[in-house]
N, C-alpha and C. Protein backbone atom coordinates (compact mmCIF):
# COMPACT_ATOMS: atom_id res chain seq x y z
N MET A 1 13.96 -54.91 32.35
CA MET A 1 15.22 -55.06 31.22
C MET A 1 14.72 -54.44 29.79
N ASN A 2 13.60 -55.67 29.50
CA ASN A 2 12.65 -55.58 27.92
C ASN A 2 11.75 -53.77 27.75
N LYS A 3 11.42 -53.90 29.59
CA LYS A 3 10.92 -52.50 30.12
C LYS A 3 11.78 -50.80 28.74
N ASN A 4 12.65 -51.10 29.99
CA ASN A 4 13.57 -49.98 29.50
C ASN A 4 14.09 -49.99 28.03
N ILE A 5 14.15 -51.45 26.94
CA ILE A 5 14.53 -51.32 26.00
C ILE A 5 13.56 -50.50 24.82
N ILE A 6 12.07 -51.00 25.27
CA ILE A 6 11.14 -50.05 24.81
C ILE A 6 11.42 -48.30 25.24
N ALA A 7 11.30 -48.54 26.42
CA ALA A 7 11.03 -46.92 26.82
C ALA A 7 12.22 -46.11 26.11
N GLY A 8 12.94 -46.56 25.88
CA GLY A 8 14.42 -45.66 25.53
C GLY A 8 14.41 -45.61 24.46
N SER A 9 13.64 -47.07 23.48
CA SER A 9 13.47 -46.60 21.64
C SER A 9 12.39 -45.70 21.14
N ALA A 10 11.04 -45.86 22.23
CA ALA A 10 10.19 -44.70 21.97
C ALA A 10 10.16 -43.61 22.62
N LEU A 11 11.77 -42.61 23.19
CA LEU A 11 11.62 -41.87 23.31
C LEU A 11 12.55 -41.58 22.99
N THR A 12 13.63 -42.29 21.88
CA THR A 12 14.69 -41.75 20.87
C THR A 12 13.68 -41.25 19.75
N GLY A 13 12.55 -42.08 19.76
CA GLY A 13 11.77 -42.14 18.32
C GLY A 13 10.81 -40.44 18.39
N MET A 14 10.84 -40.19 19.53
CA MET A 14 9.84 -38.52 19.43
C MET A 14 10.69 -37.61 19.65
N VAL A 15 12.45 -38.31 20.66
CA VAL A 15 12.96 -36.76 19.75
C VAL A 15 13.12 -36.61 19.00
N LEU A 16 13.50 -38.38 18.01
CA LEU A 16 14.07 -37.74 15.76
C LEU A 16 12.81 -37.09 15.95
N ALA A 17 11.45 -37.31 15.83
CA ALA A 17 10.18 -36.58 15.62
C ALA A 17 10.46 -35.59 15.23
N GLY A 18 11.20 -34.76 16.53
CA GLY A 18 10.63 -33.19 17.17
C GLY A 18 11.48 -32.76 16.25
N GLY A 19 12.85 -33.56 16.18
CA GLY A 19 13.97 -32.36 15.50
C GLY A 19 12.99 -32.40 13.58
N ILE A 20 12.42 -33.35 12.66
CA ILE A 20 12.03 -33.49 11.93
C ILE A 20 10.79 -32.87 11.40
N VAL A 21 10.07 -32.13 12.53
CA VAL A 21 9.35 -31.57 12.85
C VAL A 21 9.65 -30.24 12.97
N GLY A 22 10.94 -29.66 12.91
CA GLY A 22 11.60 -28.55 13.40
C GLY A 22 12.47 -27.61 12.57
N MET A 23 12.86 -28.95 11.52
CA MET A 23 13.34 -29.05 10.23
C MET A 23 12.56 -28.71 9.58
N VAL A 24 10.73 -29.34 8.67
CA VAL A 24 9.92 -28.72 8.16
C VAL A 24 9.34 -27.74 8.54
N SER A 25 9.84 -27.33 9.60
CA SER A 25 9.31 -26.69 10.00
C SER A 25 9.90 -24.93 9.34
N ALA A 26 11.53 -24.76 9.30
CA ALA A 26 12.49 -23.93 9.41
C ALA A 26 12.62 -23.71 7.94
N GLN A 27 11.93 -25.41 7.07
CA GLN A 27 12.23 -25.03 5.72
C GLN A 27 10.64 -24.40 4.57
N SER A 28 9.57 -24.87 5.72
CA SER A 28 8.49 -24.06 5.02
C SER A 28 8.62 -22.80 5.69
N ALA A 29 9.20 -22.22 6.32
CA ALA A 29 9.42 -20.88 6.70
C ALA A 29 10.47 -19.88 5.18
N ALA A 30 11.17 -20.77 4.95
CA ALA A 30 12.40 -20.77 4.15
C ALA A 30 11.39 -20.60 2.33
N GLN A 31 10.87 -21.27 2.88
CA GLN A 31 9.74 -21.54 1.36
C GLN A 31 9.13 -21.06 0.94
N ALA A 32 8.15 -20.07 2.31
CA ALA A 32 7.21 -19.19 2.31
C ALA A 32 7.78 -17.79 1.96
N THR A 33 9.27 -17.31 2.57
CA THR A 33 9.78 -15.98 2.46
C THR A 33 10.99 -16.29 1.50
N GLY A 34 11.02 -17.21 1.33
CA GLY A 34 12.41 -17.50 0.10
C GLY A 34 14.07 -17.18 0.87
N LEU A 35 13.85 -16.89 1.31
CA LEU A 35 14.94 -16.67 2.45
C LEU A 35 14.76 -17.67 3.51
N THR A 36 16.40 -17.44 3.86
CA THR A 36 16.45 -18.35 5.00
C THR A 36 16.77 -17.73 6.48
N GLU A 37 16.71 -18.10 7.41
CA GLU A 37 16.91 -17.48 9.09
C GLU A 37 18.54 -17.20 8.73
N GLU A 38 18.75 -17.84 8.51
CA GLU A 38 20.58 -17.36 8.72
C GLU A 38 21.32 -16.05 7.43
N GLN A 39 20.31 -16.46 6.48
CA GLN A 39 20.46 -15.15 5.31
C GLN A 39 20.08 -13.68 5.81
N ILE A 40 18.72 -13.92 6.58
CA ILE A 40 18.40 -12.64 7.08
C ILE A 40 19.11 -12.21 8.31
N ILE A 41 19.71 -13.12 8.60
CA ILE A 41 20.38 -12.59 10.06
C ILE A 41 21.88 -12.07 9.44
N GLU A 42 22.15 -12.65 8.83
CA GLU A 42 24.00 -12.00 7.89
C GLU A 42 23.22 -10.62 7.78
N ILE A 43 21.82 -10.33 6.84
CA ILE A 43 22.10 -9.04 6.06
C ILE A 43 22.16 -7.79 7.12
N ALA A 44 21.03 -8.57 8.32
CA ALA A 44 21.29 -7.76 9.74
C ALA A 44 22.00 -7.38 10.05
N LEU A 45 22.99 -7.65 10.16
CA LEU A 45 24.30 -7.87 10.87
C LEU A 45 25.39 -7.04 10.23
N ILE A 46 25.07 -6.77 8.60
CA ILE A 46 25.32 -5.53 8.04
C ILE A 46 25.29 -4.55 8.07
N GLU A 47 24.02 -5.05 7.86
CA GLU A 47 23.27 -3.41 8.63
C GLU A 47 23.90 -2.62 10.21
N VAL A 48 23.67 -3.63 11.50
CA VAL A 48 24.09 -3.05 11.95
C VAL A 48 24.75 -4.30 13.22
N PRO A 49 26.37 -4.44 13.05
CA PRO A 49 27.12 -5.06 13.21
C PRO A 49 27.27 -5.55 15.28
N GLY A 50 26.99 -6.93 15.37
CA GLY A 50 26.38 -6.51 16.76
C GLY A 50 26.10 -8.22 17.55
N GLU A 51 25.51 -8.64 18.35
CA GLU A 51 24.99 -9.46 18.78
C GLU A 51 23.63 -9.46 17.81
N VAL A 52 22.28 -11.04 17.43
CA VAL A 52 21.61 -10.66 17.58
C VAL A 52 20.92 -11.52 18.87
N THR A 53 19.12 -10.87 19.33
CA THR A 53 19.04 -11.22 20.54
C THR A 53 17.65 -11.57 19.77
N GLU A 54 16.85 -11.71 19.06
CA GLU A 54 15.77 -12.22 18.66
C GLU A 54 15.08 -11.42 17.14
N VAL A 55 14.79 -12.44 16.11
CA VAL A 55 14.44 -12.84 15.16
C VAL A 55 13.00 -13.12 15.11
N GLU A 56 11.72 -11.98 14.07
CA GLU A 56 10.20 -12.52 14.50
C GLU A 56 9.98 -12.36 13.14
N LEU A 57 9.09 -13.26 12.38
CA LEU A 57 8.44 -13.05 11.09
C LEU A 57 6.93 -13.32 11.21
N GLU A 58 7.28 -11.57 11.18
CA GLU A 58 5.89 -11.01 10.72
C GLU A 58 4.95 -10.95 9.68
N ARG A 59 3.55 -10.27 9.68
CA ARG A 59 2.67 -9.56 8.70
C ARG A 59 2.92 -8.38 9.01
N LYS A 60 2.72 -7.06 8.07
CA LYS A 60 2.91 -5.82 8.19
C LYS A 60 1.86 -4.86 7.29
N ARG A 61 1.21 -4.67 7.25
CA ARG A 61 0.51 -3.66 6.24
C ARG A 61 0.85 -4.80 5.17
N GLY A 62 0.79 -6.04 5.00
CA GLY A 62 0.20 -7.05 4.21
C GLY A 62 1.48 -7.79 3.60
N LYS A 63 2.37 -7.33 3.96
CA LYS A 63 3.43 -8.00 3.69
C LYS A 63 4.50 -8.29 4.65
N GLN A 64 5.12 -9.66 4.51
CA GLN A 64 6.39 -10.51 5.42
C GLN A 64 7.70 -9.81 5.36
N ILE A 65 7.82 -9.86 6.97
CA ILE A 65 8.84 -8.89 6.89
C ILE A 65 10.04 -10.22 8.25
N TYR A 66 10.69 -9.59 8.38
CA TYR A 66 11.01 -10.02 9.70
C TYR A 66 12.04 -9.16 10.40
N GLU A 67 11.49 -9.25 12.31
CA GLU A 67 12.01 -7.63 12.49
C GLU A 67 12.94 -8.57 13.01
N VAL A 68 14.30 -7.58 13.01
CA VAL A 68 15.92 -8.67 14.12
C VAL A 68 16.56 -8.34 14.64
N GLU A 69 15.77 -8.06 16.20
CA GLU A 69 16.61 -7.24 16.78
C GLU A 69 18.43 -7.53 17.72
N ILE A 70 18.79 -6.42 17.57
CA ILE A 70 20.52 -6.15 17.47
C ILE A 70 20.93 -5.60 18.99
N THR A 71 21.76 -5.60 19.63
CA THR A 71 22.67 -4.99 20.65
C THR A 71 23.70 -4.86 19.54
N SER A 72 23.70 -3.71 19.74
CA SER A 72 24.58 -2.73 18.21
C SER A 72 26.10 -3.37 19.57
N GLU A 73 27.51 -3.31 18.52
CA GLU A 73 28.87 -3.03 19.42
C GLU A 73 28.94 -2.49 20.62
N ASP A 74 28.16 -0.93 20.75
CA ASP A 74 28.21 -0.23 21.74
C ASP A 74 27.30 -0.25 22.52
N GLY A 75 26.44 -1.54 22.50
CA GLY A 75 25.25 -1.42 23.76
C GLY A 75 23.78 -0.88 22.99
N THR A 76 23.47 -0.44 22.44
CA THR A 76 22.50 0.64 21.56
C THR A 76 21.42 -0.82 21.25
N GLU A 77 20.24 -1.13 22.14
CA GLU A 77 19.69 -1.71 21.54
C GLU A 77 18.50 -1.50 19.94
N MET A 78 19.28 -2.60 18.73
CA MET A 78 18.63 -2.05 17.23
C MET A 78 17.46 -2.71 17.74
N GLU A 79 16.46 -2.47 16.11
CA GLU A 79 15.57 -3.17 15.37
C GLU A 79 16.21 -2.88 13.84
N VAL A 80 16.62 -4.02 13.45
CA VAL A 80 16.19 -4.16 11.86
C VAL A 80 15.02 -4.95 10.94
N VAL A 81 14.44 -3.74 10.19
CA VAL A 81 13.53 -4.70 9.66
C VAL A 81 13.98 -4.82 8.37
N ILE A 82 13.22 -6.48 7.55
CA ILE A 82 13.12 -6.84 6.45
C ILE A 82 13.05 -7.17 5.55
N ALA A 83 12.52 -6.99 4.54
CA ALA A 83 10.96 -7.20 3.45
C ALA A 83 11.98 -9.19 3.43
N ALA A 84 10.70 -9.90 3.36
CA ALA A 84 10.77 -11.47 4.07
C ALA A 84 11.23 -12.07 1.84
N ASP A 85 10.98 -11.10 1.41
CA ASP A 85 10.97 -11.83 0.55
C ASP A 85 11.63 -10.87 -1.03
N THR A 86 12.72 -9.80 -0.53
CA THR A 86 13.91 -9.63 -1.30
C THR A 86 15.10 -9.85 -0.07
N GLY A 87 15.28 -9.29 0.76
CA GLY A 87 16.16 -8.98 1.45
C GLY A 87 16.29 -7.56 1.59
N LYS A 88 15.84 -6.83 1.52
CA LYS A 88 15.83 -5.34 1.28
C LYS A 88 15.43 -4.69 2.53
N VAL A 89 16.60 -4.55 3.79
CA VAL A 89 16.21 -3.48 4.37
C VAL A 89 15.45 -2.77 4.44
N LEU A 90 14.33 -2.48 5.22
CA LEU A 90 13.55 -1.46 5.03
C LEU A 90 13.32 -0.68 5.83
N LYS A 91 14.17 -0.94 7.25
CA LYS A 91 13.96 -0.02 8.28
C LYS A 91 15.68 0.13 9.48
N THR A 92 15.76 0.43 9.99
CA THR A 92 17.14 1.08 11.05
C THR A 92 16.13 1.65 12.11
N LYS A 93 16.12 0.68 13.43
CA LYS A 93 16.03 2.06 14.39
C LYS A 93 16.19 1.65 15.57
N ALA A 94 16.69 1.92 16.37
CA ALA A 94 17.21 2.30 17.85
C ALA A 94 15.87 1.73 18.03
N GLU A 95 15.34 0.94 19.46
CA GLU A 95 15.06 0.04 19.58
C GLU A 95 13.75 1.26 20.78
N GLY A 96 12.15 0.93 20.34
CA GLY A 96 11.40 1.79 20.92
C GLY A 96 11.30 3.05 20.33
N GLU A 97 12.10 3.82 19.93
CA GLU A 97 11.99 4.20 19.18
C GLU A 97 10.79 4.45 17.54
N GLY A 98 10.70 5.34 17.12
CA GLY A 98 9.39 5.63 16.57
C GLY A 98 8.16 4.43 16.79
N CYS A 99 6.68 5.01 16.55
CA CYS A 99 5.25 4.27 16.49
C CYS A 99 4.89 3.08 15.64
N ASP A 100 4.36 2.21 15.45
CA ASP A 100 3.64 1.37 14.81
C ASP A 100 2.84 1.01 15.25
N LYS A 101 2.18 2.82 15.37
CA LYS A 101 0.77 2.30 15.85
C LYS A 101 -0.52 1.81 15.07
N ASP A 102 -0.23 2.66 13.59
CA ASP A 102 -0.58 2.15 12.26
C ASP A 102 -0.38 1.61 11.14
N ASP A 103 0.94 0.10 11.45
CA ASP A 103 1.46 -0.82 11.57
C ASP A 103 0.08 -1.75 11.26
N GLU A 104 -0.41 -2.69 10.44
CA GLU A 104 -1.61 -4.05 10.79
C GLU A 104 -0.52 -5.49 10.85
N THR A 105 -0.50 -5.72 12.71
CA THR A 105 0.68 -6.63 12.76
C THR A 105 -0.26 -7.98 12.49
N GLU A 106 -0.01 -9.09 12.42
CA GLU A 106 -0.29 -10.04 11.99
C GLU A 106 0.33 -11.00 12.22
N ASP A 107 0.05 -12.32 13.52
CA ASP A 107 1.01 -13.64 12.89
C ASP A 107 1.44 -13.99 11.96
N ALA A 108 2.58 -14.43 11.59
CA ALA A 108 3.33 -15.05 9.78
C ALA A 108 2.81 -17.24 10.19
């Protein structure tokens, strides 16, 4: 019986620690960029209404940007590029449109 209580307590502690780490990571990203992911999603959905399928924080040409992938209301896969520090929409394009070969991409 005591072993079950100890094991359950240890598992609960690990779950809580994981949640705290996740919250700290989200806060760190918001502090580093000035905007939360929720704010970035709101900006992107104003530009292209639909369903957000992916949000990535990247560094291109020395600046942090968010790339938000959205399935628009007509089913088109769109990408909205937003400046991480200001929230300014830098580019909106259909997925696969354009060439990013010249962009320097680093993981943020």
